Amino acid sequence: MKKALVAHESPWYQRKPRGSVVDEFEPAIRAVLAEFPDMPTTVIMERVGWERGRMVFFERVQQLRPLFQPVDPASQTEYQPGELAQCDL
């Protein structure tokens, strides 16, 4: 009670984050994706030894996969100044 009266803020309860069951498998998932970025998620599940539900695992792989995908060269068009011009007649 005295702590609450002396404190500059009102007391509040905050739970510690629990994490996810996939957290311990994330390093293995990252290792597989680094070598084979297009591998199907079901195969990744087998490789890392996942034996639980699919949705949590699929969501984590969906978050991680873009980090390991190679950049599409067609989407990176760069022009030097003066290299491209447009003339309308």
Protein backbone atom coordinates (compact mmCIF):
# COMPACT_ATOMS: atom_id res chain seq x y z
CA MET A 1 0.00 0.00 0.00
CA LYS A 2 2.82 2.41 0.87
CA LYS A 3 4.54 1.66 -2.44
CA ALA A 4 1.41 2.70 -4.31
CA LEU A 5 1.14 5.98 -2.39
CA VAL A 6 4.80 6.87 -2.91
CA ALA A 7 4.97 5.81 -6.57
CA HIS A 8 4.79 8.44 -9.31
CA GLU A 9 2.67 6.19 -11.53
CA SER A 10 -0.38 4.12 -10.83
CA PRO A 11 0.34 0.41 -10.33
CA TRP A 12 -0.51 -1.89 -13.21
CA TYR A 13 -0.12 -5.51 -14.05
CA GLN A 14 1.76 -6.65 -17.13
CA ARG A 15 2.26 -10.25 -18.18
CA LYS A 16 5.58 -11.42 -19.47
CA PRO A 17 5.46 -12.33 -23.16
CA ARG A 18 5.06 -16.09 -23.51
CA GLY A 19 6.54 -16.50 -26.95
CA SER A 20 5.52 -19.22 -29.35
CA VAL A 21 6.20 -22.92 -29.71
CA VAL A 22 7.79 -22.13 -33.10
CA ASP A 23 10.47 -19.93 -31.50
CA GLU A 24 12.77 -22.85 -30.72
CA PHE A 25 12.49 -24.08 -34.33
CA GLU A 26 13.15 -20.69 -35.94
CA PRO A 27 16.96 -21.11 -36.27
CA ALA A 28 16.43 -24.43 -38.07
CA ILE A 29 13.76 -22.88 -40.32
CA ARG A 30 16.10 -20.02 -41.18
CA ALA A 31 18.90 -22.47 -42.02
CA VAL A 32 16.67 -24.44 -44.40
CA LEU A 33 15.32 -21.27 -46.04
CA ALA A 34 18.83 -19.90 -46.48
CA GLU A 35 19.76 -22.95 -48.53
CA PHE A 36 16.40 -23.59 -50.24
CA PRO A 37 14.23 -20.43 -50.21
CA ASP A 38 11.50 -21.97 -52.40
CA MET A 39 11.12 -25.23 -50.47
CA PRO A 40 7.47 -26.03 -49.64
CA THR A 41 6.50 -25.44 -46.04
CA THR A 42 5.38 -29.04 -45.55
CA VAL A 43 8.87 -30.25 -46.47
CA ILE A 44 10.44 -27.71 -44.10
CA MET A 45 8.17 -29.10 -41.35
CA GLU A 46 9.57 -32.59 -41.96
CA ARG A 47 13.17 -31.41 -42.12
CA VAL A 48 13.09 -29.55 -38.79
CA GLY A 49 11.05 -32.23 -36.99
CA TRP A 50 7.84 -30.25 -36.42
CA GLU A 51 5.07 -32.49 -35.06
CA ARG A 52 2.46 -29.99 -33.93
CA GLY A 53 -0.28 -28.03 -35.71
CA ARG A 54 0.31 -26.59 -39.16
CA MET A 55 -1.08 -23.05 -38.95
CA VAL A 56 1.42 -21.63 -36.45
CA PHE A 57 4.31 -23.10 -38.42
CA PHE A 58 2.93 -21.94 -41.79
CA GLU A 59 2.49 -18.38 -40.46
CA ARG A 60 6.08 -18.23 -39.19
CA VAL A 61 7.50 -19.54 -42.48
CA GLN A 62 5.32 -17.01 -44.31
CA GLN A 63 6.92 -14.23 -42.24
CA LEU A 64 10.48 -15.52 -42.73
CA ARG A 65 10.43 -16.58 -46.41
CA PRO A 66 10.65 -13.03 -47.91
CA LEU A 67 13.92 -12.49 -46.03
CA PHE A 68 15.54 -15.29 -48.04
CA GLN A 69 13.96 -14.78 -51.46
CA PRO A 70 16.38 -13.47 -54.10
CA VAL A 71 15.62 -10.06 -55.51
CA ASP A 72 13.82 -10.12 -58.85
CA PRO A 73 16.14 -8.42 -61.37
CA ALA A 74 13.19 -7.34 -63.52
CA SER A 75 11.78 -5.24 -60.69
CA GLN A 76 14.99 -3.23 -60.26
CA THR A 77 15.10 -0.91 -63.23
CA GLU A 78 17.66 1.84 -62.78
CA TYR A 79 18.42 4.64 -65.19
CA GLN A 80 21.33 7.04 -65.13
CA PRO A 81 20.54 10.75 -65.52
CA GLY A 82 19.94 11.55 -69.20
CA GLU A 83 19.78 7.89 -70.20
CA LEU A 84 16.01 7.84 -70.81
CA ALA A 85 13.86 10.43 -72.58
CA GLN A 86 10.26 10.61 -73.67
CA CYS A 87 9.17 12.51 -76.78
CA ASP A 88 5.48 13.03 -77.50
CA LEU A 89 4.46 14.11 -81.00
